[in-house]
């Protein structure tokens, strides 16, 4: 896969649609080999490749740094978790998996309520959906939960009076992510993984025709 031809918008769309439930890469692989990029084009390609391949590691790293900054402030830890959930809900795979687990748990004690939590059925015209299927959580559009958890996190941040601390922790986490993604040499597993994801995307688009 030629990462130099991938735009920032394409990368954001791929991160939104890809499965985030996969476990993080091993620590030995995460800190395996570092080299300086030889040119600007190689740096941008490496950055996009590593951000996609080590996405789970970077997410855990940022959440860990946020948690370390608020060991003595439980409210701030709850705010960090709410912020992480609001961001995770933007990913299609996470939102669908979360909805399925919640619905399955509710079905055990209330099948009638679980039936109401199912997403609406998208009409099919001539063998294909009339529009792109929207993501629902507990029977409601995803954006409702994103706004809800974002509002809760903002209230918790204001209550804990830790806005400056979270900005510093977030800045350090983003800087650490940028430095690692810039100097971590993409290995063969990363290249094979991107080719596999590219094939899955092509196959998914083919199957929808």
N, C-alpha and C. Protein backbone atom coordinates (compact mmCIF):
# COMPACT_ATOMS: atom_id res chain seq x y z
N UNK A 1 0.84 -1.20 0.00
CA UNK A 1 0.00 0.00 0.00
C UNK A 1 0.88 1.25 0.00
N UNK A 2 0.63 2.17 -0.92
CA UNK A 2 1.41 3.38 -1.05
C UNK A 2 0.81 4.45 -0.12
N UNK A 3 1.44 4.63 1.05
CA UNK A 3 0.92 5.58 2.03
C UNK A 3 1.14 7.02 1.60
N UNK A 4 2.04 7.26 0.66
CA UNK A 4 2.26 8.63 0.21
C UNK A 4 1.05 9.19 -0.53
N UNK A 5 0.24 8.31 -1.10
CA UNK A 5 -0.95 8.76 -1.82
C UNK A 5 -2.19 8.84 -0.93
N UNK A 6 -2.05 8.45 0.33
CA UNK A 6 -3.17 8.49 1.28
C UNK A 6 -3.23 9.86 1.91
N UNK A 7 -4.37 10.53 1.81
CA UNK A 7 -4.54 11.85 2.40
C UNK A 7 -4.91 11.72 3.87
N UNK A 8 -4.85 12.85 4.57
CA UNK A 8 -5.23 12.87 5.99
C UNK A 8 -6.70 12.50 6.16
N UNK A 9 -7.54 12.93 5.23
CA UNK A 9 -8.96 12.58 5.29
C UNK A 9 -9.18 11.08 5.11
N UNK A 10 -8.42 10.47 4.19
CA UNK A 10 -8.52 9.02 4.00
C UNK A 10 -8.08 8.28 5.26
N UNK A 11 -7.02 8.78 5.91
CA UNK A 11 -6.54 8.13 7.13
C UNK A 11 -7.57 8.23 8.24
N UNK A 12 -8.21 9.39 8.38
CA UNK A 12 -9.24 9.56 9.41
C UNK A 12 -10.43 8.64 9.14
N UNK A 13 -10.84 8.53 7.88
CA UNK A 13 -11.94 7.63 7.52
C UNK A 13 -11.58 6.18 7.81
N UNK A 14 -10.33 5.80 7.52
CA UNK A 14 -9.90 4.43 7.78
C UNK A 14 -9.87 4.13 9.28
N UNK A 15 -9.39 5.08 10.08
CA UNK A 15 -9.37 4.89 11.53
C UNK A 15 -10.77 4.85 12.11
N UNK A 16 -11.71 5.53 11.46
CA UNK A 16 -13.09 5.53 11.94
C UNK A 16 -13.78 4.20 11.64
N UNK A 17 -13.43 3.58 10.51
CA UNK A 17 -14.12 2.38 10.09
C UNK A 17 -13.42 1.09 10.51
N UNK A 18 -12.11 1.15 10.83
CA UNK A 18 -11.37 -0.07 11.12
C UNK A 18 -11.74 -0.62 12.48
N UNK A 19 -11.48 -1.90 12.69
CA UNK A 19 -11.78 -2.56 13.95
C UNK A 19 -10.74 -2.19 15.01
N UNK A 20 -11.19 -1.57 16.11
CA UNK A 20 -10.31 -1.16 17.19
C UNK A 20 -10.31 -2.17 18.32
N UNK A 21 -11.05 -3.27 18.18
CA UNK A 21 -11.11 -4.26 19.25
C UNK A 21 -9.90 -5.20 19.25
N UNK A 22 -9.04 -5.09 18.24
CA UNK A 22 -7.85 -5.93 18.20
C UNK A 22 -6.91 -5.55 19.34
N UNK A 23 -6.22 -6.50 19.93
CA UNK A 23 -5.31 -6.20 21.05
C UNK A 23 -4.14 -5.35 20.58
N UNK A 24 -3.53 -4.59 21.48
CA UNK A 24 -2.37 -3.77 21.10
C UNK A 24 -1.18 -4.63 20.69
N UNK A 25 -0.29 -4.03 19.93
CA UNK A 25 0.93 -4.73 19.50
C UNK A 25 1.83 -4.97 20.71
N UNK A 26 2.61 -6.05 20.70
CA UNK A 26 3.50 -6.32 21.85
C UNK A 26 4.47 -5.18 22.11
N UNK A 27 4.83 -5.01 23.38
CA UNK A 27 5.75 -3.94 23.76
C UNK A 27 7.11 -4.10 23.08
N UNK A 28 7.56 -5.36 22.95
CA UNK A 28 8.84 -5.61 22.28
C UNK A 28 8.82 -5.17 20.83
N UNK A 29 7.68 -5.31 20.18
CA UNK A 29 7.55 -4.84 18.79
C UNK A 29 7.36 -3.34 18.74
N UNK A 30 6.63 -2.80 19.70
CA UNK A 30 6.34 -1.36 19.73
C UNK A 30 7.62 -0.54 19.87
N UNK A 31 8.60 -1.05 20.64
CA UNK A 31 9.86 -0.34 20.85
C UNK A 31 11.02 -1.10 20.20
N UNK A 32 10.79 -1.66 19.03
CA UNK A 32 11.77 -2.53 18.41
C UNK A 32 12.91 -1.76 17.72
N UNK A 33 12.59 -0.98 16.72
CA UNK A 33 13.63 -0.37 15.88
C UNK A 33 13.22 1.05 15.50
N UNK A 34 14.17 1.98 15.66
CA UNK A 34 13.90 3.38 15.36
C UNK A 34 15.01 3.91 14.45
N UNK A 35 14.57 4.59 13.39
CA UNK A 35 15.51 5.24 12.48
C UNK A 35 14.90 6.57 12.04
N UNK A 36 15.75 7.48 11.64
CA UNK A 36 15.29 8.79 11.18
C UNK A 36 14.84 8.68 9.71
N UNK A 37 13.71 9.26 9.35
CA UNK A 37 13.28 9.24 7.94
C UNK A 37 14.24 10.03 7.07
N UNK A 38 14.43 9.57 5.84
CA UNK A 38 15.41 10.17 4.95
C UNK A 38 14.87 11.38 4.19
N UNK A 39 13.56 11.50 4.08
CA UNK A 39 12.98 12.62 3.36
C UNK A 39 11.60 12.92 3.93
N UNK A 40 11.05 14.04 3.50
CA UNK A 40 9.72 14.45 3.98
C UNK A 40 8.65 13.47 3.53
N UNK A 41 8.74 12.98 2.29
CA UNK A 41 7.74 12.04 1.78
C UNK A 41 7.78 10.71 2.55
N UNK A 42 9.01 10.26 2.86
CA UNK A 42 9.13 9.02 3.64
C UNK A 42 8.62 9.22 5.07
N UNK A 43 8.81 10.42 5.60
CA UNK A 43 8.32 10.70 6.96
C UNK A 43 6.79 10.68 7.01
N UNK A 44 6.14 11.32 6.02
CA UNK A 44 4.68 11.32 6.01
C UNK A 44 4.12 9.91 5.79
N UNK A 45 4.76 9.12 4.92
CA UNK A 45 4.31 7.75 4.70
C UNK A 45 4.47 6.92 5.96
N UNK A 46 5.61 7.06 6.64
CA UNK A 46 5.85 6.31 7.88
C UNK A 46 4.87 6.74 8.96
N UNK A 47 4.60 8.03 9.04
CA UNK A 47 3.68 8.54 10.06
C UNK A 47 2.28 7.96 9.88
N UNK A 48 1.78 7.95 8.66
CA UNK A 48 0.44 7.42 8.40
C UNK A 48 0.39 5.92 8.65
N UNK A 49 1.44 5.21 8.21
CA UNK A 49 1.47 3.76 8.40
C UNK A 49 1.48 3.39 9.88
N UNK A 50 2.33 4.06 10.67
CA UNK A 50 2.42 3.73 12.09
C UNK A 50 1.17 4.15 12.86
N UNK A 51 0.58 5.30 12.50
CA UNK A 51 -0.65 5.71 13.16
C UNK A 51 -1.77 4.70 12.92
N UNK A 52 -1.80 4.11 11.74
CA UNK A 52 -2.82 3.11 11.44
C UNK A 52 -2.51 1.77 12.10
N UNK A 53 -1.25 1.37 12.06
CA UNK A 53 -0.87 0.03 12.54
C UNK A 53 -0.84 -0.03 14.07
N UNK A 54 -0.33 1.02 14.72
CA UNK A 54 -0.22 1.04 16.18
C UNK A 54 -1.32 1.88 16.83
N UNK A 55 -2.47 1.98 16.20
CA UNK A 55 -3.55 2.85 16.68
C UNK A 55 -3.97 2.49 18.10
N UNK A 56 -4.09 1.20 18.41
CA UNK A 56 -4.51 0.79 19.74
C UNK A 56 -3.46 1.14 20.78
N UNK A 57 -2.19 0.95 20.44
CA UNK A 57 -1.11 1.30 21.37
C UNK A 57 -1.11 2.78 21.69
N UNK A 58 -1.30 3.62 20.67
CA UNK A 58 -1.31 5.06 20.89
C UNK A 58 -2.50 5.49 21.75
N UNK A 59 -3.63 4.87 21.50
CA UNK A 59 -4.83 5.21 22.28
C UNK A 59 -4.61 4.86 23.76
N UNK A 60 -4.06 3.67 24.01
CA UNK A 60 -3.78 3.25 25.39
C UNK A 60 -2.73 4.16 26.02
N UNK A 61 -1.73 4.56 25.25
CA UNK A 61 -0.67 5.44 25.75
C UNK A 61 -1.24 6.78 26.22
N UNK A 62 -2.12 7.36 25.41
CA UNK A 62 -2.70 8.66 25.77
C UNK A 62 -3.60 8.53 27.00
N UNK A 63 -4.42 7.49 27.04
CA UNK A 63 -5.29 7.28 28.20
C UNK A 63 -4.46 7.02 29.46
N UNK A 64 -3.35 6.28 29.31
CA UNK A 64 -2.48 6.00 30.45
C UNK A 64 -1.85 7.29 30.99
N UNK A 65 -1.38 8.15 30.09
CA UNK A 65 -0.78 9.41 30.54
C UNK A 65 -1.81 10.30 31.21
N UNK A 66 -3.03 10.30 30.68
CA UNK A 66 -4.09 11.07 31.32
C UNK A 66 -4.40 10.53 32.71
N UNK A 67 -4.44 9.19 32.83
CA UNK A 67 -4.70 8.58 34.13
C UNK A 67 -3.59 8.85 35.13
N UNK A 68 -2.33 8.82 34.67
CA UNK A 68 -1.21 9.08 35.56
C UNK A 68 -1.24 10.51 36.10
N UNK A 69 -1.77 11.42 35.31
CA UNK A 69 -1.85 12.81 35.75
C UNK A 69 -2.91 13.06 36.79
N UNK A 70 -3.82 12.08 36.98
CA UNK A 70 -4.94 12.31 37.90
C UNK A 70 -5.08 11.19 38.92
N UNK A 71 -3.96 10.67 39.40
CA UNK A 71 -4.01 9.58 40.38
C UNK A 71 -4.68 10.03 41.68
N UNK A 72 -4.52 11.30 42.02
CA UNK A 72 -5.09 11.81 43.27
C UNK A 72 -6.44 12.49 43.05
N UNK A 73 -6.97 12.42 41.84
CA UNK A 73 -8.24 13.06 41.55
C UNK A 73 -9.16 12.08 40.83
N UNK A 74 -9.96 11.32 41.56
CA UNK A 74 -10.84 10.30 40.94
C UNK A 74 -11.82 10.90 39.94
N UNK A 75 -12.29 12.11 40.20
CA UNK A 75 -13.25 12.74 39.29
C UNK A 75 -12.60 12.97 37.92
N UNK A 76 -11.33 13.37 37.93
CA UNK A 76 -10.63 13.59 36.68
C UNK A 76 -10.42 12.28 35.92
N UNK A 77 -10.22 11.18 36.65
CA UNK A 77 -10.09 9.87 35.99
C UNK A 77 -11.39 9.50 35.30
N UNK A 78 -12.52 9.76 35.97
CA UNK A 78 -13.83 9.52 35.34
C UNK A 78 -14.01 10.40 34.11
N UNK A 79 -13.53 11.63 34.20
CA UNK A 79 -13.62 12.54 33.05
C UNK A 79 -12.80 12.01 31.88
N UNK A 80 -11.61 11.47 32.18
CA UNK A 80 -10.77 10.90 31.11
C UNK A 80 -11.45 9.70 30.47
N UNK A 81 -12.09 8.86 31.28
CA UNK A 81 -12.81 7.70 30.74
C UNK A 81 -13.98 8.14 29.87
N UNK A 82 -14.71 9.15 30.31
CA UNK A 82 -15.84 9.65 29.52
C UNK A 82 -15.35 10.25 28.21
N UNK A 83 -14.22 10.95 28.26
CA UNK A 83 -13.65 11.50 27.03
C UNK A 83 -13.21 10.39 26.08
N UNK A 84 -12.58 9.35 26.64
CA UNK A 84 -12.17 8.22 25.81
C UNK A 84 -13.34 7.52 25.16
N UNK A 85 -14.44 7.37 25.89
CA UNK A 85 -15.63 6.72 25.33
C UNK A 85 -16.25 7.57 24.23
N UNK A 86 -16.32 8.88 24.45
CA UNK A 86 -16.90 9.75 23.42
C UNK A 86 -16.10 9.69 22.13
N UNK A 87 -14.77 9.56 22.25
CA UNK A 87 -13.93 9.43 21.05
C UNK A 87 -14.08 8.04 20.44
N UNK A 88 -14.15 7.01 21.30
CA UNK A 88 -14.27 5.63 20.79
C UNK A 88 -15.59 5.42 20.06
N UNK A 89 -16.65 6.11 20.46
CA UNK A 89 -17.95 5.96 19.80
C UNK A 89 -17.91 6.46 18.36
N UNK A 90 -16.91 7.26 18.00
CA UNK A 90 -16.79 7.73 16.63
C UNK A 90 -16.33 6.62 15.69
N UNK A 91 -15.76 5.56 16.25
CA UNK A 91 -15.32 4.42 15.44
C UNK A 91 -16.49 3.48 15.20
N UNK A 92 -16.73 3.12 13.94
CA UNK A 92 -17.88 2.29 13.58
C UNK A 92 -17.84 0.93 14.26
N UNK A 93 -16.70 0.27 14.23
CA UNK A 93 -16.59 -1.07 14.79
C UNK A 93 -16.84 -1.07 16.29
N UNK A 94 -16.27 -0.11 17.00
CA UNK A 94 -16.46 -0.04 18.45
C UNK A 94 -17.92 0.24 18.78
N UNK A 95 -18.55 1.16 18.06
CA UNK A 95 -19.94 1.50 18.33
C UNK A 95 -20.86 0.30 18.10
N UNK A 96 -20.63 -0.43 17.00
CA UNK A 96 -21.47 -1.60 16.70
C UNK A 96 -21.26 -2.69 17.75
N UNK A 97 -20.00 -2.96 18.11
CA UNK A 97 -19.71 -3.98 19.13
C UNK A 97 -20.29 -3.60 20.48
N UNK A 98 -20.17 -2.33 20.86
CA UNK A 98 -20.72 -1.86 22.14
C UNK A 98 -22.24 -2.03 22.15
N UNK A 99 -22.88 -1.68 21.05
CA UNK A 99 -24.34 -1.81 20.97
C UNK A 99 -24.77 -3.27 21.07
N UNK A 100 -24.03 -4.17 20.40
CA UNK A 100 -24.38 -5.58 20.45
C UNK A 100 -24.24 -6.16 21.86
N UNK A 101 -23.19 -5.77 22.57
CA UNK A 101 -22.98 -6.29 23.92
C UNK A 101 -24.04 -5.77 24.88
N UNK A 102 -24.38 -4.48 24.77
CA UNK A 102 -25.42 -3.92 25.63
C UNK A 102 -26.77 -4.58 25.34
N UNK A 103 -27.09 -4.74 24.06
CA UNK A 103 -28.36 -5.37 23.69
C UNK A 103 -28.43 -6.81 24.15
N UNK A 104 -27.32 -7.53 24.03
CA UNK A 104 -27.28 -8.92 24.48
C UNK A 104 -27.47 -9.02 26.00
N UNK A 105 -26.89 -8.09 26.74
CA UNK A 105 -27.04 -8.11 28.19
C UNK A 105 -28.47 -7.78 28.61
N UNK A 106 -29.08 -6.80 27.93
CA UNK A 106 -30.46 -6.42 28.25
C UNK A 106 -31.43 -7.53 27.90
N UNK A 107 -31.14 -8.28 26.82
CA UNK A 107 -32.04 -9.34 26.37
C UNK A 107 -32.19 -10.44 27.42
N UNK A 108 -31.20 -10.60 28.29
CA UNK A 108 -31.25 -11.65 29.30
C UNK A 108 -32.35 -11.43 30.33
N UNK A 109 -32.69 -10.17 30.61
CA UNK A 109 -33.74 -9.91 31.60
C UNK A 109 -34.94 -9.18 31.02
N UNK A 110 -34.84 -8.65 29.80
CA UNK A 110 -35.97 -7.96 29.18
C UNK A 110 -35.87 -8.05 27.67
N UNK A 111 -36.37 -9.14 27.06
CA UNK A 111 -36.32 -9.26 25.60
C UNK A 111 -37.10 -8.16 24.90
N UNK A 112 -38.20 -7.70 25.51
CA UNK A 112 -39.01 -6.66 24.89
C UNK A 112 -38.22 -5.35 24.78
N UNK A 113 -37.50 -4.99 25.85
CA UNK A 113 -36.69 -3.78 25.82
C UNK A 113 -35.53 -3.92 24.84
N UNK A 114 -34.95 -5.11 24.77
CA UNK A 114 -33.85 -5.35 23.83
C UNK A 114 -34.31 -5.19 22.39
N UNK A 115 -35.56 -5.60 22.10
CA UNK A 115 -36.09 -5.45 20.75
C UNK A 115 -36.23 -3.98 20.37
N UNK A 116 -36.55 -3.12 21.34
CA UNK A 116 -36.66 -1.69 21.06
C UNK A 116 -35.30 -1.05 20.85
N UNK A 117 -34.26 -1.69 21.33
CA UNK A 117 -32.90 -1.13 21.21
C UNK A 117 -32.24 -1.49 19.88
N UNK A 118 -32.93 -2.27 19.06
CA UNK A 118 -32.35 -2.63 17.77
C UNK A 118 -32.33 -1.42 16.84
N UNK A 119 -31.31 -1.30 15.99
CA UNK A 119 -31.27 -0.18 15.04
C UNK A 119 -32.35 -0.32 13.99
N UNK A 120 -32.84 0.78 13.44
CA UNK A 120 -33.86 0.70 12.38
C UNK A 120 -33.34 0.01 11.14
N UNK A 121 -34.23 -0.65 10.45
CA UNK A 121 -33.87 -1.40 9.24
C UNK A 121 -33.75 -0.44 8.06
N UNK A 122 -32.63 -0.52 7.35
CA UNK A 122 -32.42 0.32 6.17
C UNK A 122 -33.13 -0.28 4.97
N UNK A 123 -33.99 0.49 4.28
CA UNK A 123 -34.67 -0.05 3.09
C UNK A 123 -33.69 -0.49 2.01
N UNK A 124 -34.05 -1.56 1.33
CA UNK A 124 -33.22 -2.11 0.26
C UNK A 124 -33.96 -1.97 -1.06
N UNK A 125 -33.31 -1.34 -2.04
CA UNK A 125 -33.90 -1.14 -3.36
C UNK A 125 -33.02 -1.81 -4.40
N UNK A 126 -33.59 -2.78 -5.11
CA UNK A 126 -32.87 -3.49 -6.17
C UNK A 126 -31.59 -4.13 -5.64
N UNK A 127 -31.69 -4.76 -4.50
CA UNK A 127 -30.57 -5.53 -3.96
C UNK A 127 -29.51 -4.74 -3.26
N UNK A 128 -29.67 -3.43 -3.12
CA UNK A 128 -28.67 -2.63 -2.43
C UNK A 128 -29.38 -1.62 -1.52
N UNK A 129 -28.74 -1.23 -0.40
CA UNK A 129 -29.36 -0.27 0.51
C UNK A 129 -29.64 1.05 -0.17
N UNK A 130 -30.79 1.68 0.18
CA UNK A 130 -31.14 2.96 -0.42
C UNK A 130 -30.22 4.08 0.03
N UNK A 131 -29.59 3.92 1.21
CA UNK A 131 -28.63 4.89 1.71
C UNK A 131 -27.64 4.19 2.62
N UNK A 132 -26.56 4.85 2.93
CA UNK A 132 -25.55 4.25 3.78
C UNK A 132 -26.12 4.02 5.18
N UNK A 133 -25.88 2.83 5.70
CA UNK A 133 -26.42 2.47 7.01
C UNK A 133 -25.79 3.33 8.09
N UNK A 134 -26.64 3.99 8.88
CA UNK A 134 -26.14 4.81 9.98
C UNK A 134 -25.95 3.94 11.21
N UNK A 135 -25.03 4.36 12.06
CA UNK A 135 -24.71 3.61 13.27
C UNK A 135 -25.63 4.06 14.40
N UNK A 136 -26.23 3.07 15.08
CA UNK A 136 -27.11 3.35 16.21
C UNK A 136 -26.58 2.62 17.45
N UNK A 137 -26.79 3.24 18.59
CA UNK A 137 -26.43 2.65 19.89
C UNK A 137 -27.68 2.66 20.76
N UNK A 138 -28.07 1.48 21.20
CA UNK A 138 -29.28 1.34 22.02
C UNK A 138 -30.51 1.93 21.33
N UNK A 139 -30.56 1.78 20.01
CA UNK A 139 -31.71 2.25 19.26
C UNK A 139 -31.70 3.73 18.94
N UNK A 140 -30.66 4.45 19.35
CA UNK A 140 -30.57 5.88 19.11
C UNK A 140 -29.37 6.18 18.23
N UNK A 141 -29.40 7.27 17.46
CA UNK A 141 -28.25 7.61 16.62
C UNK A 141 -26.98 7.78 17.45
N UNK A 142 -25.88 7.42 16.86
CA UNK A 142 -24.61 7.44 17.57
C UNK A 142 -24.26 8.82 18.09
N UNK A 143 -24.57 9.87 17.35
CA UNK A 143 -24.15 11.21 17.73
C UNK A 143 -24.74 11.64 19.06
N UNK A 144 -25.89 11.06 19.44
CA UNK A 144 -26.49 11.40 20.74
C UNK A 144 -25.56 10.97 21.87
N UNK A 145 -25.00 9.76 21.78
CA UNK A 145 -24.10 9.27 22.81
C UNK A 145 -22.77 10.01 22.79
N UNK A 146 -22.30 10.40 21.60
CA UNK A 146 -21.07 11.17 21.51
C UNK A 146 -21.24 12.51 22.21
N UNK A 147 -22.35 13.19 21.95
CA UNK A 147 -22.60 14.48 22.60
C UNK A 147 -22.84 14.30 24.10
N UNK A 148 -23.53 13.24 24.48
CA UNK A 148 -23.82 13.00 25.89
C UNK A 148 -22.54 12.79 26.70
N UNK A 149 -21.67 11.89 26.22
CA UNK A 149 -20.44 11.62 26.94
C UNK A 149 -19.47 12.80 26.87
N UNK A 150 -19.52 13.56 25.79
CA UNK A 150 -18.68 14.76 25.70
C UNK A 150 -19.13 15.80 26.73
N UNK A 151 -20.46 15.97 26.86
CA UNK A 151 -20.98 16.92 27.84
C UNK A 151 -20.64 16.48 29.27
N UNK A 152 -20.77 15.16 29.54
CA UNK A 152 -20.44 14.65 30.86
C UNK A 152 -18.96 14.85 31.17
N UNK A 153 -18.11 14.59 30.19
CA UNK A 153 -16.67 14.76 30.41
C UNK A 153 -16.34 16.22 30.67
N UNK A 154 -16.99 17.16 29.95
CA UNK A 154 -16.72 18.58 30.18
C UNK A 154 -17.13 19.00 31.59
N UNK A 155 -18.29 18.52 32.04
CA UNK A 155 -18.74 18.83 33.40
C UNK A 155 -17.76 18.28 34.43
N UNK A 156 -17.29 17.05 34.22
CA UNK A 156 -16.35 16.44 35.15
C UNK A 156 -15.00 17.16 35.15
N UNK A 157 -14.56 17.60 33.96
CA UNK A 157 -13.31 18.35 33.91
C UNK A 157 -13.43 19.66 34.69
N UNK A 158 -14.55 20.35 34.52
CA UNK A 158 -14.76 21.61 35.23
C UNK A 158 -14.87 21.37 36.73
N UNK A 159 -15.52 20.26 37.11
CA UNK A 159 -15.68 19.95 38.54
C UNK A 159 -14.35 19.64 39.19
N UNK A 160 -13.50 18.91 38.48
CA UNK A 160 -12.21 18.51 39.05
C UNK A 160 -11.17 19.63 39.02
N UNK A 161 -11.48 20.70 38.27
CA UNK A 161 -10.55 21.84 38.17
C UNK A 161 -9.17 21.39 37.67
N UNK A 162 -9.16 20.52 36.66
CA UNK A 162 -7.90 19.97 36.17
C UNK A 162 -7.70 20.21 34.68
N UNK A 163 -8.27 21.30 34.17
CA UNK A 163 -8.18 21.56 32.74
C UNK A 163 -6.73 21.76 32.30
N UNK A 164 -5.96 22.49 33.10
CA UNK A 164 -4.56 22.72 32.73
C UNK A 164 -3.77 21.42 32.77
N UNK A 165 -4.07 20.58 33.75
CA UNK A 165 -3.37 19.29 33.86
C UNK A 165 -3.69 18.40 32.68
N UNK A 166 -4.97 18.36 32.27
CA UNK A 166 -5.35 17.50 31.15
C UNK A 166 -4.75 18.01 29.85
N UNK A 167 -4.63 19.33 29.71
CA UNK A 167 -4.02 19.87 28.50
C UNK A 167 -2.55 19.46 28.41
N UNK A 168 -1.84 19.53 29.54
CA UNK A 168 -0.44 19.11 29.55
C UNK A 168 -0.30 17.62 29.28
N UNK A 169 -1.15 16.80 29.94
CA UNK A 169 -1.09 15.35 29.74
C UNK A 169 -1.43 14.99 28.30
N UNK A 170 -2.45 15.66 27.74
CA UNK A 170 -2.83 15.39 26.36
C UNK A 170 -1.73 15.82 25.40
N UNK A 171 -1.10 16.95 25.68
CA UNK A 171 -0.02 17.43 24.83
C UNK A 171 1.16 16.47 24.85
N UNK A 172 1.51 15.98 26.05
CA UNK A 172 2.61 15.01 26.16
C UNK A 172 2.27 13.72 25.43
N UNK A 173 1.01 13.25 25.57
CA UNK A 173 0.60 12.02 24.88
C UNK A 173 0.64 12.16 23.37
N UNK A 174 0.15 13.29 22.86
CA UNK A 174 0.18 13.51 21.42
C UNK A 174 1.62 13.67 20.91
N UNK A 175 2.46 14.34 21.69
CA UNK A 175 3.86 14.50 21.29
C UNK A 175 4.59 13.16 21.28
N UNK A 176 4.33 12.33 22.31
CA UNK A 176 4.95 11.00 22.34
C UNK A 176 4.49 10.15 21.16
N UNK A 177 3.19 10.26 20.81
CA UNK A 177 2.66 9.53 19.66
C UNK A 177 3.31 9.99 18.37
N UNK A 178 3.44 11.31 18.22
CA UNK A 178 4.05 11.85 17.00
C UNK A 178 5.50 11.42 16.87
N UNK A 179 6.26 11.47 17.97
CA UNK A 179 7.67 11.08 17.92
C UNK A 179 7.83 9.60 17.60
N UNK A 180 7.01 8.75 18.24
CA UNK A 180 7.11 7.31 17.98
C UNK A 180 6.73 6.99 16.54
N UNK A 181 5.63 7.57 16.07
CA UNK A 181 5.18 7.29 14.71
C UNK A 181 6.16 7.82 13.67
N UNK A 182 6.94 8.84 14.03
CA UNK A 182 7.89 9.43 13.08
C UNK A 182 9.17 8.62 12.98
N UNK A 183 9.61 8.01 14.08
CA UNK A 183 10.91 7.34 14.10
C UNK A 183 10.82 5.82 14.16
N UNK A 184 9.64 5.26 14.41
CA UNK A 184 9.50 3.80 14.42
C UNK A 184 9.49 3.29 12.99
N UNK A 185 10.47 2.45 12.66
CA UNK A 185 10.58 1.92 11.30
C UNK A 185 9.47 0.92 11.04
N UNK A 186 8.64 1.11 10.00
CA UNK A 186 7.59 0.13 9.70
C UNK A 186 8.19 -1.23 9.38
N UNK A 187 7.72 -2.26 10.04
CA UNK A 187 8.24 -3.60 9.81
C UNK A 187 7.39 -4.33 8.78
N UNK A 188 7.77 -5.57 8.50
CA UNK A 188 7.06 -6.35 7.49
C UNK A 188 5.62 -6.64 7.92
N UNK A 189 5.41 -6.84 9.23
CA UNK A 189 4.06 -7.12 9.71
C UNK A 189 3.14 -5.93 9.47
N UNK A 190 3.66 -4.72 9.63
CA UNK A 190 2.85 -3.54 9.38
C UNK A 190 2.46 -3.44 7.91
N UNK A 191 3.42 -3.73 7.04
CA UNK A 191 3.12 -3.67 5.60
C UNK A 191 2.10 -4.73 5.21
N UNK A 192 2.27 -5.96 5.72
CA UNK A 192 1.31 -7.02 5.41
C UNK A 192 -0.06 -6.69 5.96
N UNK A 193 -0.11 -6.07 7.15
CA UNK A 193 -1.38 -5.72 7.74
C UNK A 193 -2.12 -4.69 6.90
N UNK A 194 -1.40 -3.69 6.37
CA UNK A 194 -2.05 -2.67 5.56
C UNK A 194 -2.54 -3.26 4.24
N UNK A 195 -1.78 -4.19 3.66
CA UNK A 195 -2.25 -4.85 2.45
C UNK A 195 -3.51 -5.66 2.72
N UNK A 196 -3.57 -6.34 3.90
CA UNK A 196 -4.74 -7.14 4.24
C UNK A 196 -5.97 -6.25 4.45
N UNK A 197 -5.78 -5.11 5.13
CA UNK A 197 -6.89 -4.20 5.35
C UNK A 197 -7.35 -3.60 4.02
N UNK A 198 -6.40 -3.33 3.12
CA UNK A 198 -6.77 -2.79 1.82
C UNK A 198 -7.60 -3.80 1.03
N UNK A 199 -7.23 -5.08 1.11
CA UNK A 199 -7.99 -6.12 0.42
C UNK A 199 -9.40 -6.24 1.01
N UNK A 200 -9.51 -6.16 2.33
CA UNK A 200 -10.82 -6.25 2.96
C UNK A 200 -11.71 -5.10 2.54
N UNK A 201 -11.14 -3.91 2.43
CA UNK A 201 -11.93 -2.75 2.02
C UNK A 201 -12.43 -2.91 0.59
N UNK A 202 -11.53 -3.39 -0.28
CA UNK A 202 -11.93 -3.61 -1.67
C UNK A 202 -13.00 -4.69 -1.76
N UNK A 203 -12.83 -5.77 -0.98
CA UNK A 203 -13.80 -6.86 -1.01
C UNK A 203 -15.15 -6.41 -0.47
N UNK A 204 -15.13 -5.55 0.59
CA UNK A 204 -16.38 -5.04 1.16
C UNK A 204 -17.12 -4.17 0.15
N UNK A 205 -16.39 -3.32 -0.55
CA UNK A 205 -17.03 -2.48 -1.57
C UNK A 205 -17.56 -3.33 -2.71
N UNK A 206 -16.84 -4.40 -3.05
CA UNK A 206 -17.30 -5.28 -4.13
C UNK A 206 -18.57 -6.02 -3.73
N UNK A 207 -18.64 -6.48 -2.49
CA UNK A 207 -19.80 -7.25 -2.03
C UNK A 207 -21.04 -6.41 -1.91
N UNK A 208 -20.85 -5.05 -1.74
CA UNK A 208 -22.02 -4.17 -1.63
C UNK A 208 -22.63 -3.83 -2.98
N UNK A 209 -21.94 -4.16 -4.07
CA UNK A 209 -22.46 -3.85 -5.41
C UNK A 209 -23.59 -4.80 -5.79
